[in-house]
Amino acid sequence: NEQSIAKMKDGARILNYSRGELVTSGDVLAALKSGKLAAYVTDFVSDDLIGEEGVIAFPHLGASTPESEDNCANMAVLQTIDYIENGNIVNSVNMPNIQVARGTGARIAVIYKDSADTFNKISAVAADKKLEVEAVSAKSRKEMAYAMIDVKGTVSDDVVAAYAAIDGVIKVNVF
């Protein structure tokens, strides 16, 4: 509003991506015309701001619309199903994103503290247990890492135990 704008330096720019109601548009227009404000940038455009000099308007993305909420919920469900069925991780906050098509057999997924030594030990288990490896994929994010080993056939409990016994391994899942 006028009182807040008066406290600003001349030529200030206001960016409003929060709420349209936070700004008194008439006061913003007056400040733009006087030169007190150099620009007003927003994605909440009222009719009186449209086409005005110094107003930069962006379309509001509508992240909280019912449609976007439904899309986000559907996406979360599909990504959860993909993890449960295939071990793929997408849009994680604390794990690396890794999404790989499944082989014909089982998939062993290993969550571990990232280090080359730990990954080398994970790789060695497949050879020690004489697994027929179809593919290996691994990624890390900060201190966390995730390896997926696709093997032909099934995976026995002793193979899972061998992976779990490696220092630095946090969790072993078989898909």
C-alpha atoms as a PDB file:
ATOM      1  CA  ASN A   1       0.000   0.000   0.000  1.00  0.00           C
ATOM      2  CA  GLU A   2       0.964   3.667  -0.142  1.00  0.00           C
ATOM      3  CA  GLN A   3       2.575   3.664   3.323  1.00  0.00           C
ATOM      4  CA  SER A   4       4.748   0.602   2.567  1.00  0.00           C
ATOM      5  CA  ILE A   5       5.773   1.943  -0.828  1.00  0.00           C
ATOM      6  CA  ALA A   6       6.792   5.277   0.712  1.00  0.00           C
ATOM      7  CA  LYS A   7       9.402   3.458   2.838  1.00  0.00           C
ATOM      8  CA  MET A   8      11.038   1.925  -0.237  1.00  0.00           C
ATOM      9  CA  LYS A   9      13.957   3.323  -2.196  1.00  0.00           C
ATOM     10  CA  ASP A  10      13.075   5.168  -5.387  1.00  0.00           C
ATOM     11  CA  GLY A  11      13.005   2.831  -8.362  1.00  0.00           C
ATOM     12  CA  ALA A  12      12.174  -0.244  -6.275  1.00  0.00           C
ATOM     13  CA  ARG A  13      10.665  -3.284  -7.911  1.00  0.00           C
ATOM     14  CA  ILE A  14       7.971  -5.392  -6.288  1.00  0.00           C
ATOM     15  CA  LEU A  15       7.625  -9.076  -7.078  1.00  0.00           C
ATOM     16  CA  ASN A  16       4.367 -10.590  -5.860  1.00  0.00           C
ATOM     17  CA  TYR A  17       3.962 -14.315  -6.339  1.00  0.00           C
ATOM     18  CA  SER A  18       2.200 -14.784  -3.023  1.00  0.00           C
ATOM     19  CA  ARG A  19      -1.317 -13.300  -3.047  1.00  0.00           C
ATOM     20  CA  GLY A  20      -2.978 -10.567  -5.041  1.00  0.00           C
ATOM     21  CA  GLU A  21      -4.671  -9.234  -1.904  1.00  0.00           C
ATOM     22  CA  LEU A  22      -1.300  -8.265  -0.431  1.00  0.00           C
ATOM     23  CA  VAL A  23      -1.055  -5.310  -2.795  1.00  0.00           C
ATOM     24  CA  THR A  24      -3.297  -2.302  -3.186  1.00  0.00           C
ATOM     25  CA  SER A  25      -3.232  -2.038  -6.963  1.00  0.00           C
ATOM     26  CA  GLY A  26      -4.239   1.649  -7.054  1.00  0.00           C
ATOM     27  CA  ASP A  27      -1.281   2.543  -4.823  1.00  0.00           C
ATOM     28  CA  VAL A  28       1.066   0.488  -7.005  1.00  0.00           C
ATOM     29  CA  LEU A  29      -0.173   2.247 -10.156  1.00  0.00           C
ATOM     30  CA  ALA A  30       0.300   5.659  -8.561  1.00  0.00           C
ATOM     31  CA  ALA A  31       3.844   4.725  -7.488  1.00  0.00           C
ATOM     32  CA  LEU A  32       4.654   3.454 -10.998  1.00  0.00           C
ATOM     33  CA  LYS A  33       3.402   6.700 -12.571  1.00  0.00           C
ATOM     34  CA  SER A  34       5.398   8.835 -10.128  1.00  0.00           C
ATOM     35  CA  GLY A  35       8.590   6.810 -10.631  1.00  0.00           C
ATOM     36  CA  LYS A  36       8.715   5.647  -7.019  1.00  0.00           C
ATOM     37  CA  LEU A  37       8.379   2.080  -8.344  1.00  0.00           C
ATOM     38  CA  ALA A  38      10.215   0.929 -11.456  1.00  0.00           C
ATOM     39  CA  ALA A  39       8.185  -2.239 -11.878  1.00  0.00           C
ATOM     40  CA  TYR A  40       5.534  -4.461 -10.399  1.00  0.00           C
ATOM     41  CA  VAL A  41       5.851  -8.146 -11.301  1.00  0.00           C
ATOM     42  CA  THR A  42       3.031 -10.530 -10.436  1.00  0.00           C
ATOM     43  CA  ASP A  43       1.068 -13.575 -11.410  1.00  0.00           C
ATOM     44  CA  PHE A  44      -2.047 -12.137  -9.714  1.00  0.00           C
ATOM     45  CA  VAL A  45      -3.249  -9.548 -12.183  1.00  0.00           C
ATOM     46  CA  SER A  46      -6.357  -7.503 -11.469  1.00  0.00           C
ATOM     47  CA  ASP A  47      -8.215  -5.829 -14.326  1.00  0.00           C
ATOM     48  CA  ASP A  48      -6.897  -2.374 -13.395  1.00  0.00           C
ATOM     49  CA  LEU A  49      -3.264  -3.556 -13.780  1.00  0.00           C
ATOM     50  CA  ILE A  50      -3.597  -5.139 -17.219  1.00  0.00           C
ATOM     51  CA  GLY A  51      -1.706  -3.231 -19.886  1.00  0.00           C
ATOM     52  CA  GLU A  52      -0.286  -0.632 -17.495  1.00  0.00           C
ATOM     53  CA  GLU A  53       3.277   0.618 -18.007  1.00  0.00           C
ATOM     54  CA  GLY A  54       5.676  -0.993 -15.523  1.00  0.00           C
ATOM     55  CA  VAL A  55       3.387  -3.952 -14.741  1.00  0.00           C
ATOM     56  CA  ILE A  56       4.842  -7.283 -15.753  1.00  0.00           C
ATOM     57  CA  ALA A  57       2.177  -9.945 -15.553  1.00  0.00           C
ATOM     58  CA  PHE A  58       2.736 -13.693 -15.710  1.00  0.00           C
ATOM     59  CA  PRO A  59       0.027 -16.311 -15.902  1.00  0.00           C
ATOM     60  CA  HIS A  60      -0.739 -17.872 -12.556  1.00  0.00           C
ATOM     61  CA  LEU A  61       0.238 -21.529 -12.699  1.00  0.00           C
ATOM     62  CA  GLY A  62      -2.612 -22.678 -10.477  1.00  0.00           C
ATOM     63  CA  ALA A  63      -0.658 -25.196  -8.416  1.00  0.00           C
ATOM     64  CA  SER A  64      -3.523 -25.465  -5.961  1.00  0.00           C
ATOM     65  CA  THR A  65      -6.401 -25.924  -8.365  1.00  0.00           C
ATOM     66  CA  PRO A  66      -8.516 -29.062  -7.993  1.00  0.00           C
ATOM     67  CA  GLU A  67      -7.132 -30.305 -11.309  1.00  0.00           C
ATOM     68  CA  SER A  68      -3.509 -29.844 -10.263  1.00  0.00           C
ATOM     69  CA  GLU A  69      -4.170 -31.488  -6.896  1.00  0.00           C
ATOM     70  CA  ASP A  70      -5.680 -34.493  -8.725  1.00  0.00           C
ATOM     71  CA  ASN A  71      -2.720 -34.627 -11.130  1.00  0.00           C
ATOM     72  CA  CYS A  72      -0.233 -34.501  -8.244  1.00  0.00           C
ATOM     73  CA  ALA A  73      -2.083 -37.229  -6.369  1.00  0.00           C
ATOM     74  CA  ASN A  74      -2.183 -39.427  -9.472  1.00  0.00           C
ATOM     75  CA  MET A  75       1.513 -38.826 -10.116  1.00  0.00           C
ATOM     76  CA  ALA A  76       2.410 -39.721  -6.523  1.00  0.00           C
ATOM     77  CA  VAL A  77       0.375 -42.937  -6.695  1.00  0.00           C
ATOM     78  CA  LEU A  78       1.918 -43.990 -10.019  1.00  0.00           C
ATOM     79  CA  GLN A  79       5.437 -43.276  -8.762  1.00  0.00           C
ATOM     80  CA  THR A  80       4.769 -45.217  -5.561  1.00  0.00           C
ATOM     81  CA  ILE A  81       3.449 -48.183  -7.551  1.00  0.00           C
ATOM     82  CA  ASP A  82       6.526 -48.037  -9.803  1.00  0.00           C
ATOM     83  CA  TYR A  83       8.770 -48.167  -6.722  1.00  0.00           C
ATOM     84  CA  ILE A  84       6.830 -51.040  -5.134  1.00  0.00           C
ATOM     85  CA  GLU A  85       6.768 -53.062  -8.347  1.00  0.00           C
ATOM     86  CA  ASN A  86      10.103 -52.129  -9.943  1.00  0.00           C
ATOM     87  CA  GLY A  87      12.271 -50.281  -7.418  1.00  0.00           C
ATOM     88  CA  ASN A  88      12.370 -47.133  -9.558  1.00  0.00           C
ATOM     89  CA  ILE A  89      12.742 -43.844  -7.696  1.00  0.00           C
ATOM     90  CA  VAL A  90      11.374 -40.615  -9.213  1.00  0.00           C
ATOM     91  CA  ASN A  91      11.111 -37.143  -7.632  1.00  0.00           C
ATOM     92  CA  SER A  92      12.633 -38.188  -4.323  1.00  0.00           C
ATOM     93  CA  VAL A  93      13.777 -35.552  -1.877  1.00  0.00           C
ATOM     94  CA  ASN A  94      16.561 -37.574  -0.276  1.00  0.00           C
ATOM     95  CA  MET A  95      17.399 -40.354  -2.749  1.00  0.00           C
ATOM     96  CA  PRO A  96      18.779 -40.243  -6.289  1.00  0.00           C
ATOM     97  CA  ASN A  97      16.311 -40.415  -9.158  1.00  0.00           C
ATOM     98  CA  ILE A  98      16.773 -43.678 -11.030  1.00  0.00           C
ATOM     99  CA  GLN A  99      14.280 -45.239 -13.379  1.00  0.00           C
ATOM    100  CA  VAL A 100      15.258 -48.258 -15.456  1.00  0.00           C
ATOM    101  CA  ALA A 101      13.130 -50.749 -17.381  1.00  0.00           C
ATOM    102  CA  ARG A 102      13.052 -54.171 -15.707  1.00  0.00           C
ATOM    103  CA  GLY A 103      14.881 -57.212 -16.980  1.00  0.00           C
ATOM    104  CA  THR A 104      13.256 -60.609 -17.279  1.00  0.00           C
ATOM    105  CA  GLY A 105      14.053 -61.883 -13.786  1.00  0.00           C
ATOM    106  CA  ALA A 106      14.343 -60.347 -10.355  1.00  0.00           C
ATOM    107  CA  ARG A 107      15.650 -56.947  -9.380  1.00  0.00           C
ATOM    108  CA  ILE A 108      17.808 -56.443  -6.309  1.00  0.00           C
ATOM    109  CA  ALA A 109      17.779 -52.864  -5.013  1.00  0.00           C
ATOM    110  CA  VAL A 110      20.385 -51.755  -2.507  1.00  0.00           C
ATOM    111  CA  ILE A 111      20.259 -48.485  -0.589  1.00  0.00           C
ATOM    112  CA  TYR A 112      23.670 -47.610   0.801  1.00  0.00           C
ATOM    113  CA  LYS A 113      25.941 -44.835   2.018  1.00  0.00           C
ATOM    114  CA  ASP A 114      27.756 -43.617  -1.066  1.00  0.00           C
ATOM    115  CA  SER A 115      31.317 -44.817  -1.478  1.00  0.00           C
ATOM    116  CA  ALA A 116      33.227 -46.570  -4.245  1.00  0.00           C
ATOM    117  CA  ASP A 117      34.302 -49.260  -1.796  1.00  0.00           C
ATOM    118  CA  THR A 118      30.696 -50.094  -0.892  1.00  0.00           C
ATOM    119  CA  PHE A 119      29.636 -50.180  -4.534  1.00  0.00           C
ATOM    120  CA  ASN A 120      32.578 -52.490  -5.358  1.00  0.00           C
ATOM    121  CA  LYS A 121      31.490 -54.854  -2.567  1.00  0.00           C
ATOM    122  CA  ILE A 122      27.907 -54.767  -3.862  1.00  0.00           C
ATOM    123  CA  SER A 123      29.174 -55.639  -7.344  1.00  0.00           C
ATOM    124  CA  ALA A 124      31.317 -58.473  -5.968  1.00  0.00           C
ATOM    125  CA  VAL A 125      28.345 -60.243  -4.351  1.00  0.00           C
ATOM    126  CA  ALA A 126      26.843 -60.973  -7.776  1.00  0.00           C
ATOM    127  CA  ALA A 127      30.052 -62.715  -8.843  1.00  0.00           C
ATOM    128  CA  ASP A 128      30.489 -64.523  -5.510  1.00  0.00           C
ATOM    129  CA  LYS A 129      26.914 -65.832  -5.630  1.00  0.00           C
ATOM    130  CA  LYS A 130      27.203 -66.643  -9.365  1.00  0.00           C
ATOM    131  CA  LEU A 131      24.183 -64.518 -10.290  1.00  0.00           C
ATOM    132  CA  GLU A 132      23.371 -64.106 -13.971  1.00  0.00           C
ATOM    133  CA  VAL A 133      23.377 -60.306 -14.116  1.00  0.00           C
ATOM    134  CA  GLU A 134      21.345 -58.692 -16.904  1.00  0.00           C
ATOM    135  CA  ALA A 135      21.989 -55.068 -15.935  1.00  0.00           C
ATOM    136  CA  VAL A 136      23.371 -52.888 -13.156  1.00  0.00           C
ATOM    137  CA  SER A 137      22.339 -49.283 -12.579  1.00  0.00           C
ATOM    138  CA  ALA A 138      23.513 -47.042  -9.772  1.00  0.00           C
ATOM    139  CA  LYS A 139      23.190 -43.406  -8.831  1.00  0.00           C
ATOM    140  CA  SER A 140      24.020 -41.281  -5.832  1.00  0.00           C
ATOM    141  CA  ARG A 141      22.691 -38.107  -4.277  1.00  0.00           C
ATOM    142  CA  LYS A 142      24.836 -36.466  -1.654  1.00  0.00           C
ATOM    143  CA  GLU A 143      25.711 -39.226   0.837  1.00  0.00           C
ATOM    144  CA  MET A 144      23.002 -41.666  -0.309  1.00  0.00           C
ATOM    145  CA  ALA A 145      23.304 -44.145  -3.170  1.00  0.00           C
ATOM    146  CA  TYR A 146      21.027 -46.675  -4.811  1.00  0.00           C
ATOM    147  CA  ALA A 147      21.973 -49.649  -6.938  1.00  0.00           C
ATOM    148  CA  MET A 148      19.634 -51.851  -8.949  1.00  0.00           C
ATOM    149  CA  ILE A 149      20.905 -55.231 -10.106  1.00  0.00           C
ATOM    150  CA  ASP A 150      18.670 -57.102 -12.553  1.00  0.00           C
ATOM    151  CA  VAL A 151      19.340 -60.828 -12.511  1.00  0.00           C
ATOM    152  CA  LYS A 152      17.917 -63.835 -14.320  1.00  0.00           C
ATOM    153  CA  GLY A 153      15.775 -66.084 -12.151  1.00  0.00           C
ATOM    154  CA  THR A 154      14.944 -65.598  -8.505  1.00  0.00           C
ATOM    155  CA  VAL A 155      16.968 -64.291  -5.574  1.00  0.00           C
ATOM    156  CA  SER A 156      17.572 -66.476  -2.525  1.00  0.00           C
ATOM    157  CA  ASP A 157      17.626 -65.324   1.088  1.00  0.00           C
ATOM    158  CA  ASP A 158      21.378 -65.951   1.323  1.00  0.00           C
ATOM    159  CA  VAL A 159      21.962 -63.493  -1.551  1.00  0.00           C
ATOM    160  CA  VAL A 160      19.894 -60.852   0.250  1.00  0.00           C
ATOM    161  CA  ALA A 161      21.813 -61.578   3.465  1.00  0.00           C
ATOM    162  CA  ALA A 162      25.145 -61.190   1.644  1.00  0.00           C
ATOM    163  CA  TYR A 163      24.146 -57.735   0.383  1.00  0.00           C
ATOM    164  CA  ALA A 164      22.742 -56.726   3.775  1.00  0.00           C
ATOM    165  CA  ALA A 165      25.989 -57.745   5.517  1.00  0.00           C
ATOM    166  CA  ILE A 166      28.066 -55.205   3.573  1.00  0.00           C
ATOM    167  CA  ASP A 167      29.207 -52.295   5.730  1.00  0.00           C
ATOM    168  CA  GLY A 168      27.375 -49.161   4.582  1.00  0.00           C
ATOM    169  CA  VAL A 169      24.317 -50.969   3.211  1.00  0.00           C
ATOM    170  CA  ILE A 170      21.114 -49.588   4.691  1.00  0.00           C
ATOM    171  CA  LYS A 171      18.408 -51.683   3.021  1.00  0.00           C
ATOM    172  CA  VAL A 172      18.066 -54.470   0.463  1.00  0.00           C
ATOM    173  CA  ASN A 173      14.820 -55.068  -1.443  1.00  0.00           C
ATOM    174  CA  VAL A 174      13.982 -57.666  -4.058  1.00  0.00           C
ATOM    175  CA  PHE A 175      11.420 -56.856  -6.728  1.00  0.00           C
END
